[in-house]
Amino acid sequence: MRTHCLLASLVVVAAACRKAPPAEEAETPTTVRVRCVAPEVRRLARRVTLRGTVEIAPGFHTAVAPQVPGRLLSVAVREGDRVRRGAVLATVDARAAQDAVVQAQAALAGATAAQQSAAAAAQRTHALLDHGIASRQEDEDAAARLAAARAQATAARASLDLATRTVSFATVRAPQDGVVLRALRAPGDLVDGTPATPVLEIGDPSRLEMLASAAPADLVQLSAGQSGEATFEALPGRHDAVTVRAIAPSIDANTGVGSVRLAFATSASGPPIGLAGEVRIDVGAQDGVRMIPATALRGTPAGGSEVLVCEAGHVHAREVQLGARDGERVEVRDGLEGDASVVASGVLGLADGAPFTEAP
């Protein structure tokens, strides 16, 4: 029993004599080497970027539809064929129209004969009136019958002209020079004689434009005559000079954008019709614009952008508002005071407030 008490006492004494562990030393922030650059102040060309589609300019594209109903007998051209104005494109079965011509000719012949008979009768009655044999009433009735016969002959002649034109409409001709863009119907198809049943689409591929959409903030910066450049993802390396030709006077209430028409500077071998592309339009220039490297930017949790300012031996995060991008540099519109320098690159891993030494 005395042995157990002695051992317990020794344990207590050893625990009391044991040194307390030293307090944990505070971590010293790691000094980073960074390259600080001041914003470059220079003149910046302002550009508006739009998306658009290549199409044929208004007035140089048409859907050709027969003006008479019936069944197509032939279509003389195919997609890609060049046509001249007045060339025969298709024909419609015109037998009904031809029958109408025959009927109108017969009606005109009858009306002409009736007119001649009425004229002779009126002449005889008038002669009898002069000799006192016929009454004035009979003379007036003969004159009235002659006038009615003339009117009937005029109507018959107009009906014949209409029937003849209708027969001519059965032959569909090209309304302009151009290229067949699409063949919409084939021989044997029925057409109703209205624009609702076109046979072909014809356009002049040398008259190309881009139809683009612009947000209101961009639309108000544009004016006719401004120049720009069109590029296409499907045609890498190609750059087409364009000019603003027309700007919509209003914003579409459904889409919230306005349309802009851009004319190509040259008509030689234009891009394919229907191809989508991007247009950058020069809208002026501004002096005193501050530009920093795009590599100096990083995102914020709220979805904005920030830079790290080199200040008093430490880097400090500053949220900034950006403007135009020009190559590898970005405009800073707000958030960066004076000529404060920013960390040029490698900003993603740097903590706000970290000490730094400037690299050469």
Protein backbone atom coordinates (compact mmCIF):
# COMPACT_ATOMS: atom_id res chain seq x y z
CA MET A 1 0.00 0.00 0.00
CA ARG A 2 2.86 2.36 0.87
CA THR A 3 4.50 1.45 -2.43
CA HIS A 4 1.39 2.52 -4.41
CA CYS A 5 1.25 5.86 -2.61
CA LEU A 6 4.91 6.52 -3.34
CA LEU A 7 4.45 5.84 -7.06
CA ALA A 8 1.44 8.15 -7.23
CA SER A 9 3.39 10.94 -5.59
CA LEU A 10 6.25 10.56 -8.08
CA VAL A 11 3.80 10.81 -11.03
CA VAL A 12 2.30 14.04 -9.64
CA VAL A 13 5.75 15.58 -9.12
CA ALA A 14 6.83 14.65 -12.68
CA ALA A 15 3.71 16.18 -14.18
CA ALA A 16 4.26 19.39 -12.22
CA CYS A 17 7.87 19.66 -13.33
CA ARG A 18 7.05 19.15 -16.99
CA LYS A 19 7.41 22.40 -19.01
CA ALA A 20 4.37 23.90 -20.67
CA PRO A 21 4.53 23.81 -24.52
CA PRO A 22 5.64 27.13 -26.11
CA ALA A 23 2.89 29.34 -27.61
CA GLU A 24 2.37 28.83 -31.37
CA GLU A 25 4.25 31.48 -33.29
CA ALA A 26 2.18 33.64 -35.70
CA GLU A 27 2.68 32.83 -39.39
CA THR A 28 4.55 35.49 -41.40
CA PRO A 29 2.92 36.30 -44.78
CA THR A 30 5.00 35.17 -47.73
CA THR A 31 6.45 37.98 -49.79
CA VAL A 32 5.66 37.59 -53.50
CA ARG A 33 7.54 38.93 -56.49
CA VAL A 34 5.29 40.73 -58.94
CA ARG A 35 5.62 43.07 -61.88
CA CYS A 36 3.65 46.28 -61.44
CA VAL A 37 2.61 48.38 -64.42
CA ALA A 38 0.92 51.75 -64.67
CA PRO A 39 -2.13 52.16 -66.96
CA GLU A 40 -1.30 53.18 -70.50
CA VAL A 41 -3.11 56.40 -71.43
CA ARG A 42 -3.76 56.70 -75.14
CA ARG A 43 -6.28 57.37 -77.91
CA LEU A 44 -8.75 54.54 -78.40
CA ALA A 45 -10.89 53.87 -81.45
CA ARG A 46 -14.47 53.15 -80.44
CA ARG A 47 -16.16 50.21 -82.14
CA VAL A 48 -19.64 48.68 -82.07
CA THR A 49 -19.84 44.92 -82.60
CA LEU A 50 -22.94 43.41 -84.20
CA ARG A 51 -24.06 39.99 -85.39
CA GLY A 52 -25.73 39.70 -88.79
CA THR A 53 -26.57 37.53 -91.78
CA VAL A 54 -25.67 37.94 -95.45
CA GLU A 55 -28.63 38.48 -97.74
CA ILE A 56 -29.49 40.05 -101.07
CA ALA A 57 -30.32 43.75 -100.88
CA PRO A 58 -34.01 44.71 -101.09
CA GLY A 59 -35.11 45.28 -104.67
CA PHE A 60 -32.71 42.69 -106.05
CA HIS A 61 -34.52 39.58 -104.80
CA THR A 62 -37.95 38.29 -105.76
CA ALA A 63 -40.16 35.23 -105.51
CA VAL A 64 -41.60 34.46 -108.94
CA ALA A 65 -45.19 33.23 -108.95
CA PRO A 66 -47.51 32.61 -111.95
CA GLN A 67 -50.39 35.04 -112.30
CA VAL A 68 -52.84 32.35 -113.44
CA PRO A 69 -54.00 29.22 -111.60
CA GLY A 70 -53.35 25.81 -113.04
CA ARG A 71 -50.85 22.96 -113.25
CA LEU A 72 -47.20 23.57 -114.02
CA LEU A 73 -46.29 22.08 -117.40
CA SER A 74 -42.57 22.84 -117.22
CA VAL A 75 -39.84 24.55 -115.19
CA ALA A 76 -37.05 25.58 -117.52
CA VAL A 77 -34.31 26.44 -114.98
CA ARG A 78 -32.61 24.92 -111.96
CA GLU A 79 -30.99 26.31 -108.83
CA GLY A 80 -27.78 28.15 -109.66
CA ASP A 81 -28.75 28.97 -113.27
CA ARG A 82 -28.20 32.54 -114.40
CA VAL A 83 -31.18 34.15 -116.09
CA ARG A 84 -31.76 37.36 -118.00
CA ARG A 85 -34.78 39.58 -117.61
CA GLY A 86 -37.65 38.28 -119.76
CA ALA A 87 -36.30 34.73 -120.03
CA VAL A 88 -38.90 31.94 -119.85
CA LEU A 89 -38.76 30.26 -116.46
CA ALA A 90 -41.87 28.06 -116.40
CA THR A 91 -45.19 27.44 -118.12
CA VAL A 92 -48.66 26.78 -116.73
CA ASP A 93 -51.41 24.76 -118.42
CA ALA A 94 -53.31 27.53 -120.25
CA ARG A 95 -56.04 25.56 -122.00
CA ALA A 96 -58.81 27.19 -119.97
CA ALA A 97 -57.39 30.62 -120.75
CA GLN A 98 -57.12 29.74 -124.44
CA ASP A 99 -60.77 28.65 -124.44
CA ALA A 100 -61.64 32.00 -122.89
CA VAL A 101 -59.82 33.72 -125.77
CA VAL A 102 -61.91 31.83 -128.32
CA GLN A 103 -65.11 32.73 -126.48
CA ALA A 104 -64.05 36.38 -126.29
CA GLN A 105 -63.27 36.42 -130.00
CA ALA A 106 -66.73 35.03 -130.79
CA ALA A 107 -68.37 37.53 -128.50
CA LEU A 108 -66.47 40.37 -130.13
CA ALA A 109 -67.46 39.19 -133.61
CA GLY A 110 -71.14 39.12 -132.59
CA ALA A 111 -70.91 42.52 -130.95
CA THR A 112 -69.20 43.99 -133.99
CA ALA A 113 -71.91 42.63 -136.32
CA ALA A 114 -74.62 43.98 -134.03
CA GLN A 115 -72.94 47.37 -134.02
CA GLN A 116 -72.75 47.46 -137.81
CA SER A 117 -76.45 46.50 -138.11
CA ALA A 118 -77.48 49.11 -135.56
CA ALA A 119 -75.44 51.75 -137.39
CA ALA A 120 -77.15 50.96 -140.72
CA ALA A 121 -80.59 50.99 -139.11
CA ALA A 122 -79.91 54.31 -137.44
CA GLN A 123 -78.74 55.79 -140.74
CA ARG A 124 -81.91 54.65 -142.56
CA THR A 125 -84.22 55.90 -139.84
CA HIS A 126 -82.56 59.28 -139.85
CA ALA A 127 -82.96 59.53 -143.66
CA LEU A 128 -86.65 58.67 -143.35
CA LEU A 129 -87.00 61.33 -140.68
CA ASP A 130 -85.62 63.91 -143.08
CA HIS A 131 -88.30 62.95 -145.62
CA GLY A 132 -91.05 63.06 -143.01
CA ILE A 133 -91.70 59.31 -143.17
CA ALA A 134 -90.25 58.27 -139.78
CA SER A 135 -91.02 59.95 -136.51
CA ARG A 136 -88.42 61.57 -134.25
CA GLN A 137 -89.11 58.90 -131.62
CA GLU A 138 -88.12 56.17 -134.05
CA ASP A 139 -84.95 58.08 -134.91
CA GLU A 140 -84.02 58.41 -131.24
CA ASP A 141 -84.69 54.71 -130.58
CA ALA A 142 -82.40 53.75 -133.48
CA ALA A 143 -79.66 56.00 -132.14
CA ALA A 144 -80.01 54.41 -128.67
CA ARG A 145 -79.73 50.91 -130.12
CA LEU A 146 -76.55 51.98 -131.95
CA ALA A 147 -75.02 53.35 -128.73
CA ALA A 148 -75.81 50.10 -126.88
CA ALA A 149 -74.27 48.05 -129.68
CA ARG A 150 -71.10 50.14 -129.55
CA ALA A 151 -70.84 49.68 -125.78
CA GLN A 152 -71.30 45.93 -126.15
CA ALA A 153 -68.56 45.83 -128.78
CA THR A 154 -66.21 47.80 -126.50
CA ALA A 155 -66.87 45.40 -123.63
CA ALA A 156 -66.27 42.39 -125.88
CA ARG A 157 -62.98 43.90 -127.06
CA ALA A 158 -61.86 44.43 -123.45
CA SER A 159 -62.79 40.84 -122.59
CA LEU A 160 -60.68 39.61 -125.50
CA ASP A 161 -57.73 41.73 -124.37
CA LEU A 162 -58.04 40.31 -120.85
CA ALA A 163 -58.25 36.73 -122.09
CA THR A 164 -55.21 37.28 -124.34
CA ARG A 165 -53.16 38.70 -121.44
CA THR A 166 -54.21 35.79 -119.26
CA VAL A 167 -52.82 33.38 -121.85
CA SER A 168 -49.55 35.33 -121.87
CA PHE A 169 -49.39 35.08 -118.04
CA ALA A 170 -49.25 31.31 -118.38
CA THR A 171 -45.66 31.78 -119.52
CA VAL A 172 -43.64 32.79 -116.43
CA ARG A 173 -40.75 35.12 -117.26
CA ALA A 174 -37.83 36.44 -115.22
CA PRO A 175 -38.61 39.91 -113.83
CA GLN A 176 -34.90 40.78 -113.49
CA ASP A 177 -31.38 39.59 -114.19
CA GLY A 178 -30.03 37.26 -111.55
CA VAL A 179 -29.44 33.72 -110.35
CA VAL A 180 -32.01 31.10 -109.43
CA LEU A 181 -31.62 30.79 -105.66
CA ARG A 182 -34.31 28.18 -105.02
CA ALA A 183 -36.68 26.07 -107.07
CA LEU A 184 -39.85 25.78 -105.01
CA ARG A 185 -42.07 23.73 -107.34
CA ALA A 186 -41.73 21.11 -110.05
CA PRO A 187 -43.71 20.23 -113.19
CA GLY A 188 -47.09 18.79 -112.23
CA ASP A 189 -47.54 20.95 -109.13
CA LEU A 190 -50.62 23.13 -108.84
CA VAL A 191 -50.41 26.90 -108.45
CA ASP A 192 -53.23 29.25 -107.50
CA GLY A 193 -52.14 32.32 -109.43
CA THR A 194 -51.18 34.32 -106.31
CA PRO A 195 -47.86 35.09 -104.52
CA ALA A 196 -48.75 32.30 -102.07
CA THR A 197 -47.53 29.68 -104.56
CA PRO A 198 -44.19 30.91 -105.96
CA VAL A 199 -42.25 28.68 -108.32
CA LEU A 200 -38.74 30.15 -108.05
CA GLU A 201 -36.66 32.62 -106.06
CA ILE A 202 -34.34 34.83 -108.10
CA GLY A 203 -31.74 37.26 -106.82
CA ASP A 204 -28.70 39.22 -107.88
CA PRO A 205 -25.74 37.83 -105.85
CA SER A 206 -23.65 40.87 -106.70
CA ARG A 207 -26.01 43.00 -104.56
CA LEU A 208 -25.23 41.62 -101.11
CA GLU A 209 -25.80 43.23 -97.74
CA MET A 210 -25.61 42.20 -94.11
CA LEU A 211 -28.72 42.55 -92.00
CA ALA A 212 -27.66 42.93 -88.37
CA SER A 213 -29.41 43.57 -85.06
CA ALA A 214 -28.26 46.26 -82.64
CA ALA A 215 -29.15 46.92 -79.02
CA PRO A 216 -30.40 50.46 -78.31
CA ALA A 217 -27.08 51.49 -76.70
CA ASP A 218 -25.26 50.52 -79.90
CA LEU A 219 -27.94 51.72 -82.31
CA VAL A 220 -27.71 55.35 -81.13
CA GLN A 221 -23.97 55.39 -81.91
CA LEU A 222 -24.44 54.39 -85.55
CA SER A 223 -25.02 56.59 -88.57
CA ALA A 224 -25.14 56.02 -92.31
CA GLY A 225 -21.74 56.02 -93.97
CA GLN A 226 -19.73 54.64 -91.06
CA SER A 227 -17.22 51.99 -92.11
CA GLY A 228 -16.45 48.65 -90.55
CA GLU A 229 -15.28 45.11 -91.13
CA ALA A 230 -17.17 41.83 -91.36
CA THR A 231 -15.69 38.46 -90.39
CA PHE A 232 -17.14 34.96 -90.57
CA GLU A 233 -16.34 31.91 -88.46
CA ALA A 234 -16.92 29.68 -91.48
CA LEU A 235 -14.39 31.71 -93.52
CA PRO A 236 -11.32 32.10 -91.27
CA GLY A 237 -8.91 34.77 -92.40
CA ARG A 238 -11.48 36.60 -94.50
CA HIS A 239 -12.21 40.27 -93.79
CA ASP A 240 -14.81 42.20 -95.81
CA ALA A 241 -15.08 45.97 -95.70
CA VAL A 242 -18.65 47.16 -95.09
CA THR A 243 -20.45 50.48 -94.79
CA VAL A 244 -23.58 51.33 -92.80
CA ARG A 245 -26.29 51.86 -95.44
CA ALA A 246 -29.49 52.19 -93.40
CA ILE A 247 -30.54 52.17 -89.75
CA ALA A 248 -33.99 51.32 -88.45
CA PRO A 249 -35.76 54.44 -87.11
CA SER A 250 -37.30 52.46 -84.24
CA ILE A 251 -36.71 49.59 -81.82
CA ASP A 252 -38.72 46.42 -82.29
CA ALA A 253 -41.08 46.11 -79.34
CA ASN A 254 -40.86 42.29 -79.29
CA THR A 255 -37.10 41.81 -79.58
CA GLY A 256 -35.84 45.06 -78.07
CA VAL A 257 -33.35 45.60 -80.90
CA GLY A 258 -33.17 47.62 -84.10
CA SER A 259 -32.03 46.48 -87.54
CA VAL A 260 -28.98 47.80 -89.38
CA ARG A 261 -28.21 47.23 -93.07
CA LEU A 262 -24.57 47.17 -94.12
CA ALA A 263 -23.39 47.25 -97.74
CA PHE A 264 -20.27 45.41 -98.84
CA ALA A 265 -17.57 47.61 -100.33
CA THR A 266 -17.03 45.21 -103.22
CA SER A 267 -19.42 42.89 -105.02
CA ALA A 268 -16.75 40.48 -106.24
CA SER A 269 -17.11 36.92 -104.89
CA GLY A 270 -19.13 37.87 -101.84
CA PRO A 271 -19.76 35.49 -98.93
CA PRO A 272 -22.52 32.88 -99.32
CA ILE A 273 -26.07 34.10 -98.91
CA GLY A 274 -27.42 33.22 -95.47
CA LEU A 275 -23.98 33.06 -93.81
CA ALA A 276 -23.87 34.52 -90.28
CA GLY A 277 -20.97 36.72 -89.21
CA GLU A 278 -19.75 39.49 -86.94
CA VAL A 279 -19.39 43.16 -87.87
CA ARG A 280 -17.18 45.70 -86.09
CA ILE A 281 -18.05 49.30 -86.94
CA ASP A 282 -15.84 52.29 -86.15
CA VAL A 283 -17.95 54.92 -84.36
CA GLY A 284 -15.21 57.42 -83.43
CA ALA A 285 -12.20 57.76 -81.13
CA GLN A 286 -11.55 59.00 -77.59
CA ASP A 287 -8.41 60.49 -76.04
CA GLY A 288 -7.16 59.87 -72.51
CA VAL A 289 -8.35 56.28 -72.25
CA ARG A 290 -6.58 54.22 -69.57
CA MET A 291 -5.68 50.70 -70.67
CA ILE A 292 -4.27 47.84 -68.60
CA PRO A 293 -3.20 44.31 -69.58
CA ALA A 294 -6.07 41.84 -69.70
CA THR A 295 -3.88 39.50 -67.61
CA ALA A 296 -4.17 41.94 -64.69
CA LEU A 297 -7.87 41.13 -64.26
CA ARG A 298 -9.58 38.51 -62.16
CA GLY A 299 -13.21 37.87 -61.32
CA THR A 300 -15.05 38.78 -58.14
CA PRO A 301 -17.55 36.57 -56.29
CA ALA A 302 -20.33 38.89 -57.45
CA GLY A 303 -19.40 38.38 -61.09
CA GLY A 304 -17.47 41.63 -61.60
CA SER A 305 -13.79 42.27 -62.25
CA GLU A 306 -10.97 43.42 -60.01
CA VAL A 307 -7.25 44.24 -60.10
CA LEU A 308 -4.50 44.13 -57.50
CA VAL A 309 -3.04 47.58 -56.87
CA CYS A 310 0.64 47.85 -55.90
CA GLU A 311 0.59 50.17 -52.89
CA ALA A 312 2.99 50.69 -49.92
CA GLY A 313 4.63 47.30 -50.25
CA HIS A 314 1.35 45.37 -50.36
CA VAL A 315 -1.17 44.40 -53.03
CA HIS A 316 -4.76 45.51 -52.54
CA ALA A 317 -7.79 44.29 -54.46
CA ARG A 318 -9.85 46.99 -56.19
CA GLU A 319 -13.06 46.33 -58.12
CA VAL A 320 -13.04 48.07 -61.49
CA GLN A 321 -15.48 48.85 -64.29
CA LEU A 322 -14.23 47.90 -67.72
CA GLY A 323 -14.82 49.33 -71.17
CA ALA A 324 -13.58 48.41 -74.60
CA ARG A 325 -11.03 45.70 -75.31
CA ASP A 326 -8.23 46.39 -77.77
CA GLY A 327 -6.12 43.33 -78.41
CA GLU A 328 -4.49 42.25 -75.12
CA ARG A 329 -5.45 45.43 -73.26
CA VAL A 330 -8.70 46.48 -71.62
CA GLU A 331 -10.08 49.93 -70.84
CA VAL A 332 -10.61 50.77 -67.16
CA ARG A 333 -13.45 53.26 -66.83
CA ASP A 334 -13.76 53.40 -63.04
CA GLY A 335 -12.27 52.00 -59.84
CA LEU A 336 -8.58 52.71 -60.48
CA GLU A 337 -7.45 56.06 -59.12
CA GLY A 338 -4.84 58.26 -60.74
CA ASP A 339 -1.76 56.49 -62.07
CA ALA A 340 -1.88 53.63 -59.55
CA SER A 341 0.09 50.61 -60.73
CA VAL A 342 -1.44 47.15 -60.92
CA VAL A 343 -0.03 43.65 -60.82
CA ALA A 344 0.45 42.77 -64.49
CA SER A 345 -0.06 39.00 -64.34
CA GLY A 346 -0.39 35.97 -62.10
CA VAL A 347 -3.12 37.57 -60.00
CA LEU A 348 -5.32 34.51 -59.46
CA GLY A 349 -3.33 33.12 -56.53
CA LEU A 350 -2.50 36.38 -54.74
CA ALA A 351 -4.22 37.27 -51.48
CA ASP A 352 -5.54 40.74 -50.78
CA GLY A 353 -2.97 42.56 -48.60
CA ALA A 354 -0.05 40.26 -49.40
CA PRO A 355 3.41 41.91 -49.23
CA PHE A 356 5.38 42.05 -52.45
CA THR A 357 8.70 42.91 -53.95
CA GLU A 358 8.71 44.30 -57.44
CA ALA A 359 10.31 42.19 -60.13
CA PRO A 360 12.38 43.99 -62.74
